Amino acid sequence: MNLAKILTSLTMTAALTLAVTGAYANSHGKGKPVGITPDLAEVKVMHNGKAVTIKRNQDNKATVDPAFAKTSRPCPPFCIQPMSLGEGIQTIGEVEVINYAKKMSDGDKNIVLVDSRTPDWVAKGTIPSAVNISWVELTPKKGATTEGIMKVMADKFGVTVAKGKDDVDVDEAIANGDTSKVFDFSNAKTLVLFCNGMWCGQSPASIKALRKFGYPADKIKYYRGGMQDWKILGLTTVK
């Protein structure tokens, strides 16, 4: 190869390198859009009667909220939760949560996005369209009564007592795993439950309690990542 061809080849290689480097820098530079997915930038939902836009933090230098920066919370109680909480219960991610929130805001009354945390945590920020039904209200070990849990299921989740079963001993039915003969779940809502993250046992405790009462597994969705992952992804929160 003569000198002219060598110089031409080197020039073309350098130009290609600069083009690739420039493209990479542009795609990773400051101020670039941060979408939810490649085709979805934001979603408008309703929260307490007001429109809220769910989107990610657009600051390319943003870092995680310090409240969720800890890596080593003592276990117990802050133990890593399993990916599956039982047969039929679906574990979902952020995109699915946003889709459920959007459906709720569009008028689907058969879905409830449940923040299972205690009110003090919820006050710091929650997922738009979520309602706070603390795990304490659903967990017998935390003082929840059979009557209290039944009231939550009736008032919030669309569960009724089966016809002619008003005099049945509910506690006995729960102990015998025979609640299907006590409750009517035909209009039970789809529940999407979350808490502080994969190290938080609050929404799992709520889910386990509901399952003991016979709540259908296919109507329970578990957002395992919870506020930890929601915050890491820079998604919108509301107080």
C-alpha atoms as a PDB file:
ATOM      1  CA  MET A   1       0.000   0.000   0.000  1.00  0.00           C
ATOM      2  CA  ASN A   2       1.482   3.376  -1.010  1.00  0.00           C
ATOM      3  CA  LEU A   3       1.729   6.401   1.288  1.00  0.00           C
ATOM      4  CA  ALA A   4      -1.352   8.140  -0.141  1.00  0.00           C
ATOM      5  CA  LYS A   5      -3.595   5.135   0.514  1.00  0.00           C
ATOM      6  CA  ILE A   6      -2.196   4.756   4.052  1.00  0.00           C
ATOM      7  CA  LEU A   7      -2.904   8.401   4.861  1.00  0.00           C
ATOM      8  CA  THR A   8      -6.429   8.134   3.392  1.00  0.00           C
ATOM      9  CA  SER A   9      -7.133   5.031   5.467  1.00  0.00           C
ATOM     10  CA  LEU A  10      -5.876   6.673   8.661  1.00  0.00           C
ATOM     11  CA  THR A  11      -7.979   9.787   7.994  1.00  0.00           C
ATOM     12  CA  MET A  12     -11.146   7.710   7.499  1.00  0.00           C
ATOM     13  CA  THR A  13     -10.465   5.696  10.677  1.00  0.00           C
ATOM     14  CA  ALA A  14      -9.933   8.846  12.723  1.00  0.00           C
ATOM     15  CA  ALA A  15     -13.129  10.397  11.388  1.00  0.00           C
ATOM     16  CA  LEU A  16     -15.135   7.265  12.189  1.00  0.00           C
ATOM     17  CA  THR A  17     -13.670   7.155  15.713  1.00  0.00           C
ATOM     18  CA  LEU A  18     -14.593  10.780  16.314  1.00  0.00           C
ATOM     19  CA  ALA A  19     -18.118  10.203  15.030  1.00  0.00           C
ATOM     20  CA  VAL A  20     -18.676   7.198  17.289  1.00  0.00           C
ATOM     21  CA  THR A  21     -17.153   8.967  20.291  1.00  0.00           C
ATOM     22  CA  GLY A  22     -19.287  12.036  19.646  1.00  0.00           C
ATOM     23  CA  ALA A  23     -22.452   9.966  19.360  1.00  0.00           C
ATOM     24  CA  TYR A  24     -21.663   8.178  22.617  1.00  0.00           C
ATOM     25  CA  ALA A  25     -20.967  11.478  24.404  1.00  0.00           C
ATOM     26  CA  ASN A  26     -24.202  12.962  23.109  1.00  0.00           C
ATOM     27  CA  SER A  27     -26.236   9.989  24.287  1.00  0.00           C
ATOM     28  CA  HIS A  28     -24.657  10.174  27.742  1.00  0.00           C
ATOM     29  CA  GLY A  29     -24.372  13.922  28.124  1.00  0.00           C
ATOM     30  CA  LYS A  30     -26.099  16.267  30.544  1.00  0.00           C
ATOM     31  CA  GLY A  31     -29.637  17.415  29.955  1.00  0.00           C
ATOM     32  CA  LYS A  32     -30.755  14.508  27.797  1.00  0.00           C
ATOM     33  CA  PRO A  33     -34.371  13.350  28.149  1.00  0.00           C
ATOM     34  CA  VAL A  34     -35.063  10.610  30.705  1.00  0.00           C
ATOM     35  CA  GLY A  35     -38.058   8.583  29.586  1.00  0.00           C
ATOM     36  CA  ILE A  36     -39.970   5.840  31.362  1.00  0.00           C
ATOM     37  CA  THR A  37     -39.615   3.577  28.319  1.00  0.00           C
ATOM     38  CA  PRO A  38     -38.336   4.347  24.806  1.00  0.00           C
ATOM     39  CA  ASP A  39     -41.906   5.154  23.767  1.00  0.00           C
ATOM     40  CA  LEU A  40     -43.275   6.651  26.977  1.00  0.00           C
ATOM     41  CA  ALA A  41     -42.048   9.907  28.502  1.00  0.00           C
ATOM     42  CA  GLU A  42     -44.720  10.507  31.134  1.00  0.00           C
ATOM     43  CA  VAL A  43     -48.165   9.449  32.318  1.00  0.00           C
ATOM     44  CA  LYS A  44     -50.911  11.606  33.832  1.00  0.00           C
ATOM     45  CA  VAL A  45     -52.849  10.061  36.731  1.00  0.00           C
ATOM     46  CA  MET A  46     -55.192  11.282  39.446  1.00  0.00           C
ATOM     47  CA  HIS A  47     -54.201  11.505  43.102  1.00  0.00           C
ATOM     48  CA  ASN A  48     -56.692  12.733  45.706  1.00  0.00           C
ATOM     49  CA  GLY A  49     -58.722  14.404  42.983  1.00  0.00           C
ATOM     50  CA  LYS A  50     -55.784  16.232  41.410  1.00  0.00           C
ATOM     51  CA  ALA A  51     -53.933  15.470  38.190  1.00  0.00           C
ATOM     52  CA  VAL A  52     -50.316  14.359  38.689  1.00  0.00           C
ATOM     53  CA  THR A  53     -47.740  13.607  36.005  1.00  0.00           C
ATOM     54  CA  ILE A  54     -45.601  10.539  36.610  1.00  0.00           C
ATOM     55  CA  LYS A  55     -42.197  10.950  35.000  1.00  0.00           C
ATOM     56  CA  ARG A  56     -38.547  10.463  35.855  1.00  0.00           C
ATOM     57  CA  ASN A  57     -36.208  13.103  37.245  1.00  0.00           C
ATOM     58  CA  GLN A  58     -34.768  14.904  34.209  1.00  0.00           C
ATOM     59  CA  ASP A  59     -31.515  15.840  35.948  1.00  0.00           C
ATOM     60  CA  ASN A  60     -28.922  13.456  34.487  1.00  0.00           C
ATOM     61  CA  LYS A  61     -26.754  13.961  37.583  1.00  0.00           C
ATOM     62  CA  ALA A  62     -29.487  13.172  40.109  1.00  0.00           C
ATOM     63  CA  THR A  63     -28.705  10.608  42.800  1.00  0.00           C
ATOM     64  CA  VAL A  64     -30.918   8.471  44.993  1.00  0.00           C
ATOM     65  CA  ASP A  65     -32.807   9.932  47.951  1.00  0.00           C
ATOM     66  CA  PRO A  66     -30.596   9.497  51.063  1.00  0.00           C
ATOM     67  CA  ALA A  67     -33.507   7.820  52.860  1.00  0.00           C
ATOM     68  CA  PHE A  68     -33.093   4.916  50.447  1.00  0.00           C
ATOM     69  CA  ALA A  69     -29.311   4.904  50.187  1.00  0.00           C
ATOM     70  CA  LYS A  70     -28.671   2.429  53.007  1.00  0.00           C
ATOM     71  CA  THR A  71     -27.485  -0.984  51.848  1.00  0.00           C
ATOM     72  CA  SER A  72     -27.362  -2.908  55.135  1.00  0.00           C
ATOM     73  CA  ARG A  73     -30.446  -2.511  57.274  1.00  0.00           C
ATOM     74  CA  PRO A  74     -30.467  -5.086  60.113  1.00  0.00           C
ATOM     75  CA  CYS A  75     -32.227  -8.358  59.320  1.00  0.00           C
ATOM     76  CA  PRO A  76     -34.503  -9.109  61.026  1.00  0.00           C
ATOM     77  CA  PRO A  77     -36.683  -7.200  60.501  1.00  0.00           C
ATOM     78  CA  PHE A  78     -35.407  -5.736  57.222  1.00  0.00           C
ATOM     79  CA  CYS A  79     -34.831  -9.030  55.416  1.00  0.00           C
ATOM     80  CA  ILE A  80     -34.732  -9.610  51.661  1.00  0.00           C
ATOM     81  CA  GLN A  81     -38.141 -10.677  50.424  1.00  0.00           C
ATOM     82  CA  PRO A  82     -38.610 -13.568  47.983  1.00  0.00           C
ATOM     83  CA  MET A  83     -39.516 -12.824  44.399  1.00  0.00           C
ATOM     84  CA  SER A  84     -42.685 -14.891  44.704  1.00  0.00           C
ATOM     85  CA  LEU A  85     -45.095 -14.637  47.645  1.00  0.00           C
ATOM     86  CA  GLY A  86     -47.157 -17.621  46.608  1.00  0.00           C
ATOM     87  CA  GLU A  87     -48.686 -19.478  43.710  1.00  0.00           C
ATOM     88  CA  GLY A  88     -50.852 -17.215  41.577  1.00  0.00           C
ATOM     89  CA  ILE A  89     -49.565 -13.961  43.069  1.00  0.00           C
ATOM     90  CA  GLN A  90     -47.857 -11.932  40.360  1.00  0.00           C
ATOM     91  CA  THR A  91     -44.722  -9.924  41.134  1.00  0.00           C
ATOM     92  CA  ILE A  92     -44.549  -6.801  38.965  1.00  0.00           C
ATOM     93  CA  GLY A  93     -42.271  -3.874  38.154  1.00  0.00           C
ATOM     94  CA  GLU A  94     -42.550  -0.144  37.664  1.00  0.00           C
ATOM     95  CA  VAL A  95     -44.038  -0.134  34.157  1.00  0.00           C
ATOM     96  CA  GLU A  96     -46.834  -2.436  35.296  1.00  0.00           C
ATOM     97  CA  VAL A  97     -47.490  -0.267  38.378  1.00  0.00           C
ATOM     98  CA  ILE A  98     -47.742   2.818  36.162  1.00  0.00           C
ATOM     99  CA  ASN A  99     -50.140   0.969  33.860  1.00  0.00           C
ATOM    100  CA  TYR A 100     -52.377   0.054  36.803  1.00  0.00           C
ATOM    101  CA  ALA A 101     -52.268   3.636  38.090  1.00  0.00           C
ATOM    102  CA  LYS A 102     -53.260   4.897  34.647  1.00  0.00           C
ATOM    103  CA  LYS A 103     -56.168   2.440  34.440  1.00  0.00           C
ATOM    104  CA  MET A 104     -57.388   3.601  37.854  1.00  0.00           C
ATOM    105  CA  SER A 105     -57.200   7.228  36.787  1.00  0.00           C
ATOM    106  CA  ASP A 106     -59.072   6.416  33.578  1.00  0.00           C
ATOM    107  CA  GLY A 107     -61.988   5.173  35.655  1.00  0.00           C
ATOM    108  CA  ASP A 108     -61.291   1.492  36.349  1.00  0.00           C
ATOM    109  CA  LYS A 109     -62.720   1.073  39.842  1.00  0.00           C
ATOM    110  CA  ASN A 110     -61.676  -2.578  40.062  1.00  0.00           C
ATOM    111  CA  ILE A 111     -58.043  -1.732  40.887  1.00  0.00           C
ATOM    112  CA  VAL A 112     -56.537  -0.417  44.121  1.00  0.00           C
ATOM    113  CA  LEU A 113     -52.895   0.615  44.379  1.00  0.00           C
ATOM    114  CA  VAL A 114     -52.090   0.058  48.050  1.00  0.00           C
ATOM    115  CA  ASP A 115     -49.239   1.687  49.953  1.00  0.00           C
ATOM    116  CA  SER A 116     -48.826  -0.770  52.843  1.00  0.00           C
ATOM    117  CA  ARG A 117     -46.475   1.411  54.887  1.00  0.00           C
ATOM    118  CA  THR A 118     -47.244   3.238  58.100  1.00  0.00           C
ATOM    119  CA  PRO A 119     -48.530   6.827  57.722  1.00  0.00           C
ATOM    120  CA  ASP A 120     -45.246   8.400  58.862  1.00  0.00           C
ATOM    121  CA  TRP A 121     -43.465   6.857  55.853  1.00  0.00           C
ATOM    122  CA  VAL A 122     -46.297   7.691  53.478  1.00  0.00           C
ATOM    123  CA  ALA A 123     -46.101  11.338  54.557  1.00  0.00           C
ATOM    124  CA  LYS A 124     -42.586  11.486  53.083  1.00  0.00           C
ATOM    125  CA  GLY A 125     -43.909  10.598  49.634  1.00  0.00           C
ATOM    126  CA  THR A 126     -45.808   7.858  47.845  1.00  0.00           C
ATOM    127  CA  ILE A 127     -46.671   6.699  44.330  1.00  0.00           C
ATOM    128  CA  PRO A 128     -49.317   8.897  42.681  1.00  0.00           C
ATOM    129  CA  SER A 129     -52.829   7.337  42.853  1.00  0.00           C
ATOM    130  CA  ALA A 130     -51.893   5.068  45.787  1.00  0.00           C
ATOM    131  CA  VAL A 131     -54.062   4.826  48.898  1.00  0.00           C
ATOM    132  CA  ASN A 132     -52.591   4.123  52.314  1.00  0.00           C
ATOM    133  CA  ILE A 133     -53.874   0.954  53.946  1.00  0.00           C
ATOM    134  CA  SER A 134     -51.183   0.211  56.494  1.00  0.00           C
ATOM    135  CA  TRP A 135     -50.032  -3.348  57.064  1.00  0.00           C
ATOM    136  CA  VAL A 136     -50.926  -2.776  60.723  1.00  0.00           C
ATOM    137  CA  GLU A 137     -54.612  -2.729  59.691  1.00  0.00           C
ATOM    138  CA  LEU A 138     -54.313  -6.165  58.099  1.00  0.00           C
ATOM    139  CA  THR A 139     -51.810  -8.013  60.279  1.00  0.00           C
ATOM    140  CA  PRO A 140     -53.094  -9.849  63.386  1.00  0.00           C
ATOM    141  CA  LYS A 141     -49.603  -9.863  64.924  1.00  0.00           C
ATOM    142  CA  LYS A 142     -49.736  -6.060  64.888  1.00  0.00           C
ATOM    143  CA  GLY A 143     -53.154  -5.966  66.540  1.00  0.00           C
ATOM    144  CA  ALA A 144     -55.496  -6.212  63.565  1.00  0.00           C
ATOM    145  CA  THR A 145     -58.758  -7.953  64.462  1.00  0.00           C
ATOM    146  CA  THR A 146     -60.877 -10.247  62.315  1.00  0.00           C
ATOM    147  CA  GLU A 147     -63.614  -7.612  62.324  1.00  0.00           C
ATOM    148  CA  GLY A 148     -61.148  -4.902  61.335  1.00  0.00           C
ATOM    149  CA  ILE A 149     -59.743  -6.893  58.434  1.00  0.00           C
ATOM    150  CA  MET A 150     -63.239  -7.768  57.243  1.00  0.00           C
ATOM    151  CA  LYS A 151     -64.151  -4.069  57.334  1.00  0.00           C
ATOM    152  CA  VAL A 152     -61.143  -3.143  55.178  1.00  0.00           C
ATOM    153  CA  MET A 153     -61.994  -5.890  52.700  1.00  0.00           C
ATOM    154  CA  ALA A 154     -65.616  -4.749  52.552  1.00  0.00           C
ATOM    155  CA  ASP A 155     -65.047  -0.980  52.447  1.00  0.00           C
ATOM    156  CA  LYS A 156     -61.939  -0.872  50.267  1.00  0.00           C
ATOM    157  CA  PHE A 157     -61.637  -4.139  48.350  1.00  0.00           C
ATOM    158  CA  GLY A 158     -65.183  -5.056  47.293  1.00  0.00           C
ATOM    159  CA  VAL A 159     -65.485  -8.242  49.371  1.00  0.00           C
ATOM    160  CA  THR A 160     -68.857  -9.211  50.833  1.00  0.00           C
ATOM    161  CA  VAL A 161     -70.102 -11.928  53.152  1.00  0.00           C
ATOM    162  CA  ALA A 162     -71.608 -14.846  51.252  1.00  0.00           C
ATOM    163  CA  LYS A 163     -75.384 -15.089  51.388  1.00  0.00           C
ATOM    164  CA  GLY A 164     -76.662 -16.973  54.399  1.00  0.00           C
ATOM    165  CA  LYS A 165     -73.243 -17.018  56.058  1.00  0.00           C
ATOM    166  CA  ASP A 166     -73.685 -14.137  58.509  1.00  0.00           C
ATOM    167  CA  ASP A 167     -73.677 -16.490  61.484  1.00  0.00           C
ATOM    168  CA  VAL A 168     -70.572 -18.468  60.481  1.00  0.00           C
ATOM    169  CA  ASP A 169     -67.585 -18.403  62.847  1.00  0.00           C
ATOM    170  CA  VAL A 170     -65.057 -16.600  60.637  1.00  0.00           C
ATOM    171  CA  ASP A 171     -62.061 -17.345  62.855  1.00  0.00           C
ATOM    172  CA  GLU A 172     -62.864 -21.039  62.724  1.00  0.00           C
ATOM    173  CA  ALA A 173     -63.256 -20.875  58.942  1.00  0.00           C
ATOM    174  CA  ILE A 174     -59.861 -19.156  58.655  1.00  0.00           C
ATOM    175  CA  ALA A 175     -58.252 -21.761  60.878  1.00  0.00           C
ATOM    176  CA  ASN A 176     -59.730 -24.510  58.701  1.00  0.00           C
ATOM    177  CA  GLY A 177     -58.772 -22.753  55.465  1.00  0.00           C
ATOM    178  CA  ASP A 178     -62.445 -22.733  54.465  1.00  0.00           C
ATOM    179  CA  THR A 179     -63.086 -19.012  53.905  1.00  0.00           C
ATOM    180  CA  SER A 180     -64.438 -19.474  50.385  1.00  0.00           C
ATOM    181  CA  LYS A 181     -67.706 -20.499  52.010  1.00  0.00           C
ATOM    182  CA  VAL A 182     -67.772 -17.321  54.108  1.00  0.00           C
ATOM    183  CA  PHE A 183     -66.804 -14.529  51.717  1.00  0.00           C
ATOM    184  CA  ASP A 184     -67.972 -13.607  48.238  1.00  0.00           C
ATOM    185  CA  PHE A 185     -64.949 -12.552  46.193  1.00  0.00           C
ATOM    186  CA  SER A 186     -66.759 -12.273  42.862  1.00  0.00           C
ATOM    187  CA  ASN A 187     -66.411  -8.462  42.952  1.00  0.00           C
ATOM    188  CA  ALA A 188     -63.078  -8.366  44.753  1.00  0.00           C
ATOM    189  CA  LYS A 189     -60.742  -5.735  43.352  1.00  0.00           C
ATOM    190  CA  THR A 190     -57.278  -6.286  41.922  1.00  0.00           C
ATOM    191  CA  LEU A 191     -54.822  -5.120  44.560  1.00  0.00           C
ATOM    192  CA  VAL A 192     -51.352  -3.782  43.756  1.00  0.00           C
ATOM    193  CA  LEU A 193     -49.413  -3.682  47.027  1.00  0.00           C
ATOM    194  CA  PHE A 194     -46.028  -2.153  47.780  1.00  0.00           C
ATOM    195  CA  CYS A 195     -43.965  -0.853  50.685  1.00  0.00           C
ATOM    196  CA  ASN A 196     -40.379   0.385  51.004  1.00  0.00           C
ATOM    197  CA  GLY A 197     -38.664  -2.163  48.810  1.00  0.00           C
ATOM    198  CA  MET A 198     -37.235  -5.628  48.481  1.00  0.00           C
ATOM    199  CA  TRP A 199     -36.054  -5.477  52.102  1.00  0.00           C
ATOM    200  CA  CYS A 200     -39.478  -4.451  53.455  1.00  0.00           C
ATOM    201  CA  GLY A 201     -41.852  -7.037  54.902  1.00  0.00           C
ATOM    202  CA  GLN A 202     -44.912  -4.814  55.271  1.00  0.00           C
ATOM    203  CA  SER A 203     -46.711  -5.462  51.984  1.00  0.00           C
ATOM    204  CA  PRO A 204     -45.793  -9.183  52.140  1.00  0.00           C
ATOM    205  CA  ALA A 205     -47.400  -9.289  55.610  1.00  0.00           C
ATOM    206  CA  SER A 206     -50.566  -7.673  54.238  1.00  0.00           C
ATOM    207  CA  ILE A 207     -50.646 -10.106  51.341  1.00  0.00           C
ATOM    208  CA  LYS A 208     -50.204 -13.142  53.591  1.00  0.00           C
ATOM    209  CA  ALA A 209     -53.017 -11.931  55.862  1.00  0.00           C
ATOM    210  CA  LEU A 210     -55.353 -11.387  52.919  1.00  0.00           C
ATOM    211  CA  ARG A 211     -54.580 -14.843  51.564  1.00  0.00           C
ATOM    212  CA  LYS A 212     -55.471 -16.383  54.945  1.00  0.00           C
ATOM    213  CA  PHE A 213     -58.856 -14.726  54.604  1.00  0.00           C
ATOM    214  CA  GLY A 214     -59.179 -16.335  51.180  1.00  0.00           C
ATOM    215  CA  TYR A 215     -58.484 -13.326  48.970  1.00  0.00           C
ATOM    216  CA  PRO A 216     -57.906 -14.694  45.429  1.00  0.00           C
ATOM    217  CA  ALA A 217     -54.220 -14.956  44.553  1.00  0.00           C
ATOM    218  CA  ASP A 218     -54.826 -13.897  40.957  1.00  0.00           C
ATOM    219  CA  LYS A 219     -56.229 -10.585  42.209  1.00  0.00           C
ATOM    220  CA  ILE A 220     -53.067  -9.737  44.157  1.00  0.00           C
ATOM    221  CA  LYS A 221     -50.052  -8.043  42.537  1.00  0.00           C
ATOM    222  CA  TYR A 222     -46.824  -7.529  44.471  1.00  0.00           C
ATOM    223  CA  TYR A 223     -44.571  -4.596  43.555  1.00  0.00           C
ATOM    224  CA  ARG A 224     -41.471  -5.950  45.257  1.00  0.00           C
ATOM    225  CA  GLY A 225     -39.186  -3.045  44.342  1.00  0.00           C
ATOM    226  CA  GLY A 226     -41.461  -0.594  46.154  1.00  0.00           C
ATOM    227  CA  MET A 227     -40.312   2.897  47.029  1.00  0.00           C
ATOM    228  CA  GLN A 228     -36.654   1.844  46.955  1.00  0.00           C
ATOM    229  CA  ASP A 229     -36.731   1.098  43.219  1.00  0.00           C
ATOM    230  CA  TRP A 230     -39.238   3.872  42.505  1.00  0.00           C
ATOM    231  CA  LYS A 231     -36.822   6.394  44.033  1.00  0.00           C
ATOM    232  CA  ILE A 232     -33.757   4.876  42.357  1.00  0.00           C
ATOM    233  CA  LEU A 233     -35.449   5.380  38.982  1.00  0.00           C
ATOM    234  CA  GLY A 234     -36.249   9.001  39.823  1.00  0.00           C
ATOM    235  CA  LEU A 235     -39.990   8.557  39.408  1.00  0.00           C
ATOM    236  CA  THR A 236     -42.523  11.111  40.648  1.00  0.00           C
ATOM    237  CA  THR A 237     -43.782  10.915  44.223  1.00  0.00           C
ATOM    238  CA  VAL A 238     -46.533  12.842  46.017  1.00  0.00           C
ATOM    239  CA  LYS A 239     -47.134  13.622  49.672  1.00  0.00           C
END
